[in-house]
Protein backbone atom coordinates (compact mmCIF):
# COMPACT_ATOMS: atom_id res chain seq x y z
CA THR A 1 16.59 -17.09 -29.12
CA LEU A 2 19.68 -15.69 -30.99
CA PHE A 3 20.70 -13.96 -27.75
CA LEU A 4 20.44 -17.16 -25.74
CA SER A 5 22.29 -19.27 -28.35
CA GLU A 6 25.05 -16.73 -28.86
CA THR A 7 25.58 -15.84 -25.19
CA LYS A 8 24.62 -19.15 -23.59
CA HIS A 9 22.61 -16.94 -21.18
CA PRO A 10 20.20 -19.01 -19.03
CA GLU A 11 16.71 -19.26 -20.48
CA PRO A 12 13.96 -17.08 -18.87
CA VAL A 13 11.54 -18.59 -16.34
CA GLY A 14 8.69 -20.47 -18.32
CA TRP A 15 10.52 -20.27 -21.57
CA HIS A 16 9.04 -23.68 -22.64
CA ASP A 17 5.65 -23.20 -21.03
CA PRO A 18 2.97 -22.67 -23.64
CA ALA A 19 1.36 -19.83 -21.68
CA PHE A 20 4.63 -17.79 -21.85
CA GLY A 21 6.57 -18.97 -24.81
CA ASN A 22 4.69 -17.87 -27.89
CA SER A 23 6.45 -15.82 -30.55
CA ASP A 24 3.72 -13.09 -30.38
CA GLN A 25 4.18 -12.62 -26.63
CA PRO A 26 6.62 -10.49 -24.76
CA VAL A 27 9.58 -12.33 -23.26
CA VAL A 28 8.87 -12.71 -19.54
CA GLY A 29 10.50 -14.47 -16.55
CA VAL A 30 13.61 -12.23 -16.73
CA SER A 31 15.49 -10.38 -14.06
CA TRP A 32 16.75 -6.91 -14.32
CA PHE A 33 20.30 -8.33 -14.82
CA ASP A 34 18.88 -10.53 -17.64
CA ALA A 35 17.40 -7.43 -19.38
CA MET A 36 20.68 -5.46 -18.91
CA SER A 37 22.67 -8.35 -20.48
CA TYR A 38 20.33 -8.47 -23.45
CA CYS A 39 20.84 -4.71 -24.00
CA GLU A 40 24.65 -5.09 -23.72
CA TRP A 41 24.48 -7.96 -26.30
CA LEU A 42 22.31 -5.97 -28.73
CA SER A 43 24.35 -2.91 -28.36
CA LYS A 44 27.59 -4.83 -29.26
CA SER A 45 25.98 -6.77 -32.06
CA GLN A 46 24.33 -3.79 -33.67
CA GLY A 47 26.92 -1.06 -33.00
CA GLU A 48 24.37 1.17 -31.35
CA ILE A 49 23.43 1.88 -27.79
CA TYR A 50 20.37 0.03 -26.40
CA ARG A 51 19.34 0.19 -22.84
CA LEU A 52 16.37 0.03 -20.55
CA PRO A 53 14.29 3.25 -20.31
CA THR A 54 14.41 5.36 -17.11
CA GLU A 55 11.05 5.54 -15.23
CA ALA A 56 10.48 9.07 -16.70
CA GLU A 57 11.20 7.83 -20.18
CA TRP A 58 8.77 4.89 -19.74
CA GLU A 59 6.06 7.13 -18.34
CA LYS A 60 6.38 9.58 -21.31
CA ALA A 61 6.22 6.63 -23.70
CA CYS A 62 3.31 5.06 -22.01
CA ARG A 63 1.33 8.41 -22.20
CA GLY A 64 1.82 8.37 -26.05
CA GLY A 65 2.45 12.13 -26.31
CA LEU A 66 -0.52 13.23 -24.12
CA GLU A 67 0.58 14.49 -20.78
CA ASP A 68 -2.68 14.07 -19.04
CA MET A 69 -3.29 10.49 -20.15
CA GLU A 70 -4.23 8.32 -17.18
CA TYR A 71 -3.52 5.04 -19.18
CA ALA A 72 -1.65 4.26 -22.38
CA TRP A 73 -5.01 3.85 -24.12
CA GLY A 74 -6.79 6.94 -22.66
CA ASN A 75 -8.37 8.18 -19.37
CA GLU A 76 -11.10 5.59 -18.90
CA PRO A 77 -10.33 2.29 -17.21
CA PRO A 78 -11.00 -0.72 -19.49
CA SER A 79 -14.60 -1.77 -19.40
CA THR A 80 -14.20 -5.24 -20.69
CA ILE A 81 -13.11 -8.34 -19.00
CA GLU A 82 -10.97 -9.15 -21.98
CA TYR A 83 -8.64 -6.39 -21.05
CA PHE A 84 -8.19 -7.31 -17.30
CA GLY A 85 -9.84 -9.97 -15.25
CA GLY A 86 -7.81 -13.15 -15.54
CA ILE A 87 -8.91 -14.72 -18.85
CA TRP A 88 -5.33 -14.78 -20.02
CA PRO A 89 -3.18 -17.57 -18.50
CA GLY A 90 -0.06 -15.46 -19.37
CA PRO A 91 0.86 -12.37 -21.36
CA LYS A 92 -1.48 -11.37 -24.15
CA PRO A 93 -0.38 -11.50 -27.74
CA VAL A 94 1.28 -8.17 -28.70
CA GLY A 95 -0.90 -6.04 -30.90
CA LEU A 96 -4.25 -7.47 -29.66
CA TRP A 97 -5.46 -3.82 -29.23
CA GLN A 98 -4.53 -0.52 -30.88
CA PRO A 99 -1.18 1.01 -30.23
CA ASN A 100 -0.95 4.31 -28.15
CA GLY A 101 -0.12 7.72 -29.68
CA TYR A 102 3.57 6.73 -30.17
CA GLY A 103 2.74 3.52 -31.88
CA LEU A 104 3.68 1.30 -28.83
CA PHE A 105 1.67 -1.81 -28.30
CA ASN A 106 0.55 -3.16 -24.89
CA ILE A 107 2.52 -0.67 -22.84
CA GLY A 108 1.13 -0.55 -19.46
CA ASP A 109 -1.26 -3.47 -19.58
CA ASN A 110 0.64 -6.72 -20.49
CA VAL A 111 3.74 -7.23 -18.29
CA HIS A 112 5.59 -5.33 -15.76
CA GLU A 113 8.56 -3.71 -17.47
CA TRP A 114 11.95 -3.19 -15.84
CA CYS A 115 13.35 0.31 -15.83
CA LEU A 116 16.99 1.41 -15.57
CA ASP A 117 16.49 3.25 -12.24
CA TRP A 118 17.08 2.19 -8.71
CA TYR A 119 13.72 2.62 -6.91
CA ALA A 120 12.90 4.90 -3.93
CA GLU A 121 9.40 5.46 -2.93
CA ASP A 122 9.86 9.18 -2.23
CA TYR A 123 12.31 9.85 -5.16
CA TYR A 124 10.01 12.10 -7.14
CA SER A 125 9.41 14.42 -4.16
CA SER A 126 13.00 15.69 -4.57
CA SER A 127 14.07 14.65 -8.09
CA PRO A 128 14.99 17.01 -10.90
CA GLU A 129 11.86 18.24 -12.71
CA LYS A 130 13.29 17.41 -16.22
CA ASN A 131 14.61 13.84 -17.05
CA PRO A 132 15.06 12.43 -13.57
CA THR A 133 17.20 9.22 -13.75
CA GLY A 134 16.46 7.78 -10.25
CA PRO A 135 18.43 7.53 -7.08
CA GLN A 136 22.14 6.68 -7.20
CA GLU A 137 21.76 3.40 -5.27
CA GLY A 138 19.26 1.21 -3.72
CA THR A 139 18.12 -2.48 -3.14
CA ARG A 140 15.31 -2.63 -5.66
CA ARG A 141 15.02 -1.71 -9.33
CA ALA A 142 12.01 0.23 -10.68
CA SER A 143 9.40 -1.26 -12.93
CA ARG A 144 6.41 0.20 -14.61
CA GLY A 145 3.20 -1.00 -16.20
CA GLY A 146 0.58 -3.43 -15.17
CA SER A 147 0.46 -7.12 -15.91
CA TRP A 148 -1.96 -9.78 -17.09
CA ARG A 149 -2.37 -11.00 -13.50
CA HIS A 150 -2.87 -7.70 -11.63
CA GLN A 151 -5.62 -5.14 -10.99
CA ILE A 152 -6.07 -2.19 -13.22
CA LYS A 153 -4.52 0.37 -10.80
CA ALA A 154 -1.12 -1.05 -11.66
CA SER A 155 -1.64 -0.15 -15.34
CA ARG A 156 -1.92 3.67 -14.73
CA ALA A 157 0.92 5.58 -16.49
CA ALA A 158 2.09 7.04 -13.27
CA HIS A 159 1.99 3.74 -11.23
CA ARG A 160 5.36 2.76 -9.86
CA SER A 161 6.57 -0.59 -8.56
CA SER A 162 9.85 -2.29 -7.83
CA LEU A 163 11.59 -5.66 -7.17
CA PRO A 164 15.07 -6.78 -6.22
CA PRO A 165 16.93 -6.93 -9.50
CA GLN A 166 17.63 -10.77 -9.30
CA PHE A 167 13.95 -11.75 -9.22
CA ARG A 168 12.41 -13.48 -12.18
CA TYR A 169 8.61 -13.51 -12.47
CA THR A 170 6.36 -14.57 -15.36
CA ASP A 171 4.67 -11.20 -15.39
CA TYR A 172 7.96 -9.26 -15.68
CA GLY A 173 9.59 -8.38 -18.95
CA PHE A 174 11.27 -5.33 -20.42
CA ARG A 175 11.11 -2.80 -23.33
CA ILE A 176 14.21 -1.16 -24.66
CA VAL A 177 15.20 2.19 -26.00
CA LYS A 178 17.77 3.02 -28.59
CA GLU A 179 19.90 6.11 -27.82
CA ARG A 180 20.26 8.64 -30.57
CA ILE A 181 23.53 10.71 -30.60
CA ILE A 182 22.57 14.33 -30.30
CA GLY A 183 23.11 16.22 -33.57
CA SER A 184 22.82 13.17 -35.74
CA MET A 185 20.00 12.97 -38.23
CA PRO A 186 17.67 10.13 -38.32
CA ASP A 187 17.76 7.88 -41.40
CA ALA A 188 15.60 9.19 -44.25
């Protein structure tokens, strides 16, 4: 809400809907442009660099340090209807289940998350092996992770999706990364 009040940015879709506006839920109903505006505002207000993750960064974060992980929570699809199956009328409260190996909650299973990259279906067939950053241009922006209203296959760590960057859906949100300057020491 501080971002909205300071910038006068339009409210996300569903901002006042009880299914989407609880303080323990991720913010949804935002476009890629909205997410980028938030990152720019946060960077200026904190004096640090915040941005959306690339697809490659998102996938690594989702796997939680285990390269062969199929989902953020392990290799087995969820077996309970609570995880998927439509019992939630919107995003689940964050922290309902255990975090992954990096301590990230609900990555891959709650909302689709915008990524920095442009999207091209065949990009990974010719991308750099290390730290690919997506194509230079496109018409759709990449997103990762499943959502509360989609089937489990969208929650696989490697699953890719995309939308035109101006779209706002109530199952789309974002997660940010903070850049660390190479050579700097983390705070003790």
